[in-house]
Protein backbone atom coordinates (compact mmCIF):
# COMPACT_ATOMS: atom_id res chain seq x y z
CA MET A 1 88.99 58.36 134.74
CA TYR A 2 88.57 61.56 132.58
CA ILE A 3 92.29 62.29 132.83
CA CYS A 4 93.21 58.82 131.82
CA ARG A 5 91.00 58.94 128.66
CA LEU A 6 92.57 62.28 127.83
CA ILE A 7 96.02 60.87 128.09
CA VAL A 8 95.11 58.00 125.91
CA LEU A 9 93.56 60.19 123.31
CA LEU A 10 96.65 62.43 123.33
CA PHE A 11 98.77 59.38 122.99
CA LEU A 12 96.75 58.10 120.01
CA LEU A 13 96.90 61.60 118.30
CA VAL A 14 100.59 61.81 118.80
CA GLY A 15 101.12 58.27 117.45
CA SER A 16 98.93 58.98 114.29
CA SER A 17 100.89 62.28 113.69
CA SER A 18 104.15 60.32 114.06
CA HIS A 19 102.98 57.64 111.70
CA ALA A 20 101.96 60.17 109.17
CA GLN A 21 105.28 62.00 109.50
CA LEU A 22 107.07 58.76 108.85
CA LYS A 23 104.90 57.86 105.88
CA MET A 24 105.71 61.23 104.33
CA GLU A 25 109.46 60.80 104.83
CA ASN A 26 109.20 57.43 103.21
CA LEU A 27 107.27 58.73 100.24
CA GLU A 28 109.85 61.56 99.93
CA LYS A 29 112.60 59.04 99.67
CA ARG A 30 110.70 57.08 97.06
CA VAL A 31 110.17 60.10 94.79
CA ARG A 32 113.72 61.12 95.23
CA ASP A 33 114.90 57.71 93.99
CA ILE A 34 112.50 57.94 91.04
CA SER A 35 114.11 61.27 90.10
CA HIS A 36 117.55 59.71 89.94
CA LEU A 37 116.47 56.99 87.49
CA ASP A 38 118.19 57.30 84.06
CA ASP A 39 115.77 55.34 81.94
CA PRO A 40 113.05 57.90 81.00
CA HIS A 41 110.44 55.03 80.36
CA GLU A 42 111.06 53.50 83.69
CA LYS A 43 110.85 56.93 85.31
CA GLU A 44 107.52 57.60 83.74
CA TYR A 45 106.25 54.19 84.89
CA GLN A 46 107.46 54.76 88.48
CA LEU A 47 105.94 58.21 88.49
CA ALA A 48 102.59 56.87 87.47
CA GLU A 49 102.73 54.22 90.29
CA PHE A 50 103.80 56.73 92.87
CA GLU A 51 100.89 59.01 91.91
CA LYS A 52 98.51 56.29 92.92
CA VAL A 53 100.19 55.72 96.25
CA PHE A 54 100.54 59.32 96.99
CA SER A 55 96.93 60.14 96.18
CA THR A 56 95.85 57.47 98.54
CA PHE A 57 98.02 58.92 101.20
CA LEU A 58 96.68 62.36 100.72
CA LYS A 59 93.11 61.19 101.20
CA THR A 60 93.84 60.21 104.75
CA TYR A 61 96.83 62.28 105.79
CA ASN A 62 96.95 64.23 109.01
CA GLU A 63 96.64 67.92 108.31
CA ASP A 64 98.93 68.65 111.18
CA THR A 65 101.73 66.88 109.58
CA SER A 66 104.55 69.37 109.27
CA ILE A 67 106.57 69.84 106.06
CA PRO A 68 109.79 71.80 106.32
CA ASP A 69 110.91 74.19 103.55
CA SER A 70 113.77 71.87 102.66
CA ALA A 71 111.46 68.82 101.94
CA TYR A 72 111.34 67.36 98.51
CA ILE A 73 107.48 67.33 98.52
CA GLN A 74 106.25 70.76 99.18
CA VAL A 75 102.67 72.14 100.09
CA THR A 76 100.89 75.55 99.75
CA LYS A 77 97.42 76.09 101.10
CA SER A 78 94.77 78.80 101.15
CA SER A 79 94.30 81.14 104.10
CA ASP A 80 91.06 79.29 105.04
CA SER A 81 92.68 75.86 104.62
CA LYS A 82 89.95 74.61 102.18
CA TYR A 83 92.39 73.88 99.52
CA ARG A 84 95.91 72.37 99.71
CA VAL A 85 98.31 71.83 96.79
CA PHE A 86 101.13 69.41 97.26
CA TYR A 87 103.90 69.35 94.63
CA TYR A 88 107.38 68.03 93.66
CA ASN A 89 109.89 68.51 90.90
CA THR A 90 111.41 65.55 89.10
CA TYR A 91 114.87 65.90 87.67
CA LYS A 92 116.74 64.56 84.60
CA ASP A 93 120.48 65.21 84.24
CA GLY A 94 120.18 67.61 87.12
CA ILE A 95 117.48 69.75 85.47
CA VAL A 96 113.81 69.73 86.28
CA TYR A 97 111.82 68.14 83.46
CA ARG A 98 108.43 67.34 85.05
CA LEU A 99 106.36 68.99 87.72
CA ASP A 100 103.59 67.13 89.56
CA TRP A 101 100.93 68.67 91.79
CA TYR A 102 97.89 67.57 93.66
CA ILE A 103 94.93 69.58 94.56
CA VAL A 104 93.36 68.39 97.95
CA PHE A 105 89.98 69.54 99.13
CA GLY A 106 86.94 68.27 101.10
CA GLY A 107 86.46 67.19 104.64
CA VAL A 108 87.99 64.28 106.51
CA TYR A 109 85.26 61.90 105.32
CA ASN A 110 84.95 63.02 101.70
CA ARG A 111 88.30 64.25 100.92
CA GLN A 112 89.19 64.46 97.10
CA VAL A 113 92.50 64.51 95.36
CA LEU A 114 93.12 65.82 91.83
CA HIS A 115 96.51 65.11 90.09
CA PHE A 116 98.23 66.96 87.38
CA HIS A 117 101.62 67.04 85.89
CA ASP A 118 103.46 69.07 83.27
CA LYS A 119 106.73 68.74 81.47
CA SER A 120 106.01 71.04 78.51
CA PHE A 121 108.12 73.82 79.76
CA SER A 122 111.27 74.28 77.58
CA HIS A 123 114.94 74.52 78.85
CA LYS A 124 115.18 78.08 77.62
CA ASP A 125 112.41 79.14 80.18
CA LYS A 126 114.19 77.65 83.21
CA ARG A 127 116.11 79.45 85.74
CA GLY A 128 118.97 77.65 87.53
CA VAL A 129 117.83 73.84 87.50
CA GLY A 130 114.21 75.04 86.72
CA GLU A 131 112.77 74.19 90.06
CA PHE A 132 109.34 75.57 90.57
CA ARG A 133 107.44 76.95 93.53
CA LEU A 134 103.74 77.06 93.81
CA HIS A 135 101.61 79.55 95.79
CA LEU A 136 97.88 79.29 96.51
CA ALA A 137 96.14 82.42 97.42
CA ARG A 138 92.54 83.50 98.39
CA LEU A 139 90.79 86.50 96.77
CA THR A 140 87.37 87.64 98.06
CA GLU A 141 84.91 89.17 95.43
CA GLY A 142 81.74 89.88 97.12
CA ASP A 143 80.49 86.79 98.77
CA ILE A 144 82.67 84.55 96.54
CA ASP A 145 86.17 83.45 97.36
CA LEU A 146 88.50 82.65 94.44
CA TYR A 147 91.68 80.61 94.89
CA PRO A 148 94.36 81.54 92.28
CA LEU A 149 97.33 79.33 91.99
CA THR A 150 100.66 80.65 90.62
CA PHE A 151 103.71 78.73 89.42
CA SER A 152 106.95 80.45 89.59
CA PHE A 153 110.65 79.66 89.25
CA LYS A 154 112.24 79.38 92.64
CA ALA A 155 115.41 80.96 91.41
CA ASP A 156 114.14 84.32 90.61
CA GLY A 157 110.38 84.29 91.32
CA LYS A 158 109.39 84.77 87.65
CA ILE A 159 105.81 83.57 87.14
CA TYR A 160 105.51 80.58 84.57
CA ARG A 161 101.93 79.97 84.88
CA GLU A 162 98.72 81.09 86.72
CA TYR A 163 95.46 79.31 87.43
CA ARG A 164 92.75 81.95 88.20
CA ASP A 165 90.63 79.76 90.42
CA ILE A 166 91.26 76.03 91.42
CA ALA A 167 87.88 75.88 93.17
CA SER A 168 86.25 75.94 89.80
CA ILE A 169 88.62 73.14 88.51
CA CYS A 170 87.54 71.08 91.54
CA MET A 171 83.86 71.84 90.89
CA PHE A 172 84.03 70.66 87.30
CA GLU A 173 85.53 67.28 88.44
CA GLN A 174 82.87 67.02 91.05
CA ILE A 175 80.22 67.39 88.35
CA GLN A 176 81.51 64.33 86.53
CA GLN A 177 81.05 62.35 89.77
CA ARG A 178 77.50 63.57 90.70
CA ASP A 179 74.53 61.21 89.64
CA THR A 180 71.57 63.57 89.55
CA GLU A 181 70.88 66.36 87.29
CA GLU A 182 70.00 68.60 90.20
CA GLU A 183 73.44 68.08 91.82
CA LYS A 184 75.25 68.68 88.53
CA LEU A 185 73.55 71.99 87.70
CA ALA A 186 73.76 73.16 91.31
CA LEU A 187 77.60 72.90 90.89
CA ASN A 188 77.52 74.49 87.56
CA ASP A 189 75.51 77.47 88.94
CA SER A 190 78.53 77.96 91.39
CA ILE A 191 80.94 77.80 88.46
CA LEU A 192 78.93 80.47 86.54
CA LYS A 193 79.07 82.85 89.42
CA ARG A 194 82.86 82.55 89.68
CA MET A 195 83.31 82.83 85.85
CA ASN A 196 81.17 86.04 85.85
CA ILE A 197 83.77 87.50 88.15
CA LEU A 198 86.55 86.46 85.73
CA TRP A 199 84.83 87.52 82.62
CA ALA A 200 84.10 90.98 84.08
CA ASN A 201 87.70 91.58 85.06
CA LYS A 202 89.64 93.68 82.45
CA GLU A 203 93.00 92.19 83.45
CA TYR A 204 91.75 88.70 82.48
CA PHE A 205 90.47 89.55 79.02
CA ASN A 206 93.55 88.00 77.33
CA ASP A 207 93.72 85.08 79.70
CA LYS A 208 92.91 81.68 78.23
CA PHE A 209 92.10 80.30 81.65
CA ILE A 210 94.78 77.63 81.59
CA GLY A 211 93.87 74.97 84.07
CA LEU A 212 90.24 75.11 83.44
CA THR A 213 90.55 72.39 80.94
CA ARG A 214 86.81 71.63 80.84
CA ILE A 215 86.19 75.18 79.40
CA SER A 216 87.13 76.02 75.82
CA THR A 217 88.43 79.45 75.72
CA LEU A 218 89.00 81.23 72.27
CA ILE A 219 90.38 84.75 71.65
CA SER A 220 90.01 86.27 68.25
CA ASP A 221 93.02 87.32 66.21
CA ASP A 222 92.17 90.93 66.60
CA LYS A 223 92.06 90.60 70.48
CA LYS A 224 88.56 92.12 70.63
CA VAL A 225 86.42 88.98 71.31
CA LYS A 226 86.69 86.17 73.70
CA VAL A 227 84.45 83.10 73.66
CA CYS A 228 84.24 80.65 76.51
CA THR A 229 82.05 77.44 76.26
CA TRP A 230 81.42 74.09 78.06
CA ASN A 231 78.98 71.38 78.29
CA ILE A 232 77.52 69.48 81.30
CA PRO A 233 76.67 65.84 80.58
CA LEU A 234 73.35 64.82 82.13
CA PRO A 235 72.19 61.40 83.45
CA ASN A 236 69.78 61.00 80.49
CA SER A 237 72.72 61.10 77.98
CA THR A 238 71.82 64.67 76.85
CA HIS A 239 73.93 67.86 77.49
CA LYS A 240 73.45 71.37 78.50
CA PHE A 241 75.78 73.98 77.18
CA TYR A 242 77.17 77.26 78.93
CA GLY A 243 79.53 80.04 78.33
CA ALA A 244 79.91 83.61 77.34
CA VAL A 245 80.96 86.09 74.66
CA VAL A 246 83.28 88.75 76.12
CA THR A 247 83.91 91.81 74.15
CA LYS A 248 86.52 94.61 74.45
CA GLU A 249 84.92 97.96 73.27
CA LYS A 250 86.70 100.84 71.54
CA ASP A 251 87.12 102.65 74.83
CA GLY A 252 88.57 99.56 76.45
CA GLU A 253 85.46 98.69 78.43
CA ILE A 254 84.79 94.96 78.95
CA LYS A 255 81.34 93.45 78.39
CA TYR A 256 80.27 90.02 78.64
CA TYR A 257 77.12 88.13 77.49
CA GLU A 258 76.18 84.89 79.24
CA LEU A 259 74.98 82.27 76.73
CA GLN A 260 71.83 80.43 77.32
CA ASP A 261 71.25 77.23 75.50
CA ALA A 262 68.00 77.07 73.58
CA SER A 263 68.72 73.99 71.28
CA GLU A 264 65.77 71.93 72.36
CA LYS A 265 63.37 74.55 71.00
CA MET A 266 64.88 74.99 67.71
CA ARG A 267 63.49 73.10 64.63
CA SER A 268 65.61 74.71 61.92
CA PRO A 269 68.84 76.09 63.55
CA GLU A 270 70.29 76.62 60.04
CA LYS A 271 67.86 79.38 59.37
CA ALA A 272 67.88 81.39 62.56
CA VAL A 273 69.59 84.47 63.71
CA LEU A 274 70.12 84.01 67.35
CA SER A 275 71.31 85.98 70.44
CA PRO A 276 73.15 85.08 73.66
CA ARG A 277 69.83 84.65 75.38
CA LYS A 278 68.75 82.17 72.68
CA TRP A 279 71.89 80.30 71.60
CA TYR A 280 72.38 77.07 69.64
CA GLY A 281 74.71 75.54 72.25
CA ALA A 282 78.01 74.00 71.32
CA VAL A 283 81.63 73.74 72.65
CA TYR A 284 83.76 75.79 70.20
CA TYR A 285 87.21 74.57 69.29
CA ASP A 286 88.24 77.13 66.63
CA MET A 287 87.50 80.80 65.75
CA VAL A 288 88.03 82.04 62.32
CA SER A 289 88.19 85.74 61.64
CA VAL A 290 86.49 86.57 58.30
CA LYS A 291 86.63 89.99 56.53
CA ASP A 292 83.14 91.22 55.58
CA LYS A 293 81.97 94.22 53.61
CA ASN A 294 78.90 94.68 56.02
CA TYR A 295 80.47 94.36 59.48
CA GLY A 296 84.16 94.67 58.71
CA VAL A 297 84.70 91.28 60.32
CA TYR A 298 82.84 88.41 61.84
CA TYR A 299 84.00 85.25 63.55
CA ALA A 300 83.17 81.81 62.34
CA LEU A 301 82.94 79.46 65.36
CA ILE A 302 83.61 75.80 64.78
CA GLY A 303 81.98 73.65 67.48
CA PHE A 304 81.26 70.18 68.67
CA LYS A 305 77.86 69.26 70.07
CA PRO A 306 77.59 66.07 71.83
CA ASN A 307 73.83 65.49 71.42
CA ASP A 308 72.49 62.32 72.94
CA GLU A 309 73.31 58.61 73.13
CA MET A 310 72.38 58.25 69.46
CA THR A 311 73.94 61.26 67.59
CA LYS A 312 76.54 63.93 67.67
CA LYS A 313 76.67 67.15 65.96
CA LYS A 314 79.28 69.62 64.58
CA VAL A 315 78.46 73.30 63.76
CA VAL A 316 79.95 76.43 62.04
CA ASP A 317 78.26 79.35 63.52
CA PRO A 318 79.06 83.00 62.49
CA LEU A 319 79.35 85.53 65.41
CA VAL A 320 78.78 89.11 64.56
CA VAL A 321 80.07 91.63 67.15
CA VAL A 322 79.32 95.36 66.67
CA ASN A 323 80.52 97.93 69.11
CA ASN A 324 77.96 98.64 71.93
CA ILE A 325 75.38 96.12 70.36
CA THR A 326 74.49 92.76 71.65
CA PRO A 327 76.34 90.02 69.64
CA LYS A 328 74.39 87.87 67.31
CA PHE A 329 74.76 84.31 66.03
CA GLY A 330 74.01 83.43 62.51
CA TYR A 331 74.68 85.22 59.17
CA SER A 332 73.48 84.35 55.63
CA VAL A 333 76.93 83.30 54.20
CA PHE A 334 76.68 79.52 53.63
CA GLN A 335 75.60 78.54 49.98
CA ASN A 336 74.77 75.01 48.85
CA ASP A 337 73.54 75.52 45.26
CA ARG A 338 70.54 77.94 45.66
CA VAL A 339 70.13 77.33 49.38
CA ILE A 340 71.57 80.01 51.75
CA ASP A 341 72.00 79.13 55.46
CA LYS A 342 72.91 81.17 58.51
CA ARG A 343 75.00 78.31 60.12
CA LEU A 344 76.10 74.82 59.25
CA VAL A 345 74.86 71.89 61.31
CA PHE A 346 76.07 68.38 60.72
CA GLU A 347 74.56 65.35 62.56
CA TYR A 348 75.86 61.83 62.51
CA SER A 349 76.06 58.72 64.55
CA ALA A 350 77.29 58.83 68.19
CA SER A 351 79.59 55.82 67.45
CA THR A 352 81.68 57.66 64.98
CA ASN A 353 83.70 60.97 64.54
CA MET A 354 83.54 63.54 62.00
CA MET A 355 86.43 65.86 60.77
CA LEU A 356 85.73 69.60 60.40
CA LYS A 357 88.42 72.14 60.23
CA TYR A 358 89.49 75.37 58.76
CA GLU A 359 92.42 75.60 56.24
CA LYS A 360 93.83 79.14 56.57
CA HIS A 361 96.03 79.01 53.56
CA ASN A 362 93.22 77.93 51.27
CA GLU A 363 90.37 79.98 53.08
CA ARG A 364 88.19 76.94 53.19
CA PHE A 365 86.50 74.73 55.66
CA ILE A 366 87.15 70.99 54.95
CA LEU A 367 85.02 68.18 56.26
CA ASP A 368 84.08 64.57 56.09
CA HIS A 369 81.09 63.88 53.70
CA LEU A 370 78.39 62.23 55.85
CA SER A 371 76.13 59.60 54.49
CA PRO A 372 74.00 56.56 55.52
CA PRO A 373 74.98 52.99 54.68
CA SER A 374 72.06 52.82 52.18
CA SER A 375 69.71 55.24 50.54
CA LEU A 376 66.82 53.51 52.52
CA TYR A 377 68.26 55.25 55.72
CA LYS A 378 68.45 58.79 54.33
CA GLY A 379 67.46 61.29 57.04
CA ASN A 380 68.21 58.76 59.88
CA TYR A 381 71.19 60.44 61.31
CA ARG A 382 71.76 57.84 63.88
CA LEU A 383 73.36 55.77 60.97
CA TYR A 384 75.23 58.66 59.26
CA GLY A 385 79.01 58.65 59.15
CA PRO A 386 82.02 59.59 56.98
CA ASP A 387 82.10 57.72 53.68
CA PHE A 388 85.70 58.42 52.87
CA SER A 389 84.93 61.41 50.62
CA TYR A 390 85.29 65.18 51.57
CA ASP A 391 83.58 68.34 51.05
CA SER A 392 84.67 71.93 51.39
CA TYR A 393 83.25 75.29 51.84
CA VAL A 394 85.36 77.97 49.98
CA LEU A 395 85.04 81.64 50.59
CA GLU A 396 83.98 83.43 47.31
CA LYS A 397 82.72 86.92 47.08
CA GLY A 398 81.75 87.03 50.75
CA ARG A 399 79.94 83.57 50.83
CA TRP A 400 81.12 80.19 51.72
CA VAL A 401 80.33 78.01 48.82
CA LEU A 402 79.87 74.23 48.99
CA TYR A 403 82.08 71.95 46.80
CA LYS A 404 81.55 68.26 46.98
CA ASP A 405 84.02 65.39 46.74
CA VAL A 406 87.25 67.51 46.95
CA ASP A 407 90.84 66.38 47.18
CA VAL A 408 91.88 67.48 50.69
CA ARG A 409 95.55 66.52 49.97
CA SER A 410 95.69 69.33 47.21
CA SER A 411 96.10 72.82 48.14
CA GLY A 412 95.22 74.14 44.79
CA ASN A 413 91.84 72.49 44.25
CA HIS A 414 88.42 73.11 45.81
């Protein structure tokens, strides 16, 4: 009886493997056919449809399914088999114009698939027909395994792109799916440990961590300061902010300062000089190098701060970095009439958006002027929004001076 059951089990396994093999061959044929389409719009549509089918297949595929080197759809996996990356090149006029790849992770009953694609590479960067090969590795740092993924041209092996750790990419996506604050923050703690390794590595200082799209990575013009920031949305519609300031000292040594968000404890952030351990959290999207008579240079960080379900915020926060001294946030350089502030903070309705950016050729910040619908609601920032006028902060004698109701179309006016 035991032998009979074993034979039946083996038969089922072989049948399942054969079915998966046949399914993979059919999928290969389909994506090959899509690649031969001439109409670019039809090709994009069919690729989007194929992505849905292939993602579903990958969630249930048999890991023993063999994929020959000559196959159209290729796979690379980590040495511990925790992560697999499936990928294929799509052609146009005989030349690759799009690369699709899928990160597969998790167990049989909770397998997850993340899909990415790229067609930003230019023809001059290609070798041969531009076909890519991906390679997933595993690097052990102490008790943590990192999983770097490299993209190289198949013809000559030249590396086109590198992801430092796809495990962190997967963890960020898992955070979005978790329901409780405890689950989200536990995953974020794991990400922080991995980022600490990357921040401390001298070889990665100039790396913008492409692939970690949920982290904003900015590098100063003088290549001396790197700032990484991100936010974690919580179930109560609030956010926690994380990141680091990484500095390159005169002797080439790398130091990093992990940022600890203390926004909830601040009543007047515009007036405070802060430190990495007491930081007014935000996700920075631009860094402006500003010459200064006291420090030589400081860095004006422009950031977005999703606040809660009622309001959003945007900030301009000066970062001062002096060799071998802990960086500080906040500097008395913003002037509104006789009022001098150490940072700019703008709060407005969560249902609208605010423009805030730096114009390099005019040495000024330009921004939407925010106001309530009526003077009766002054101070009620849940109702503030752009009123179709604009303000600017212009650099004059070391201070950013506020000018109201400016013409943003003109390059010669304040």
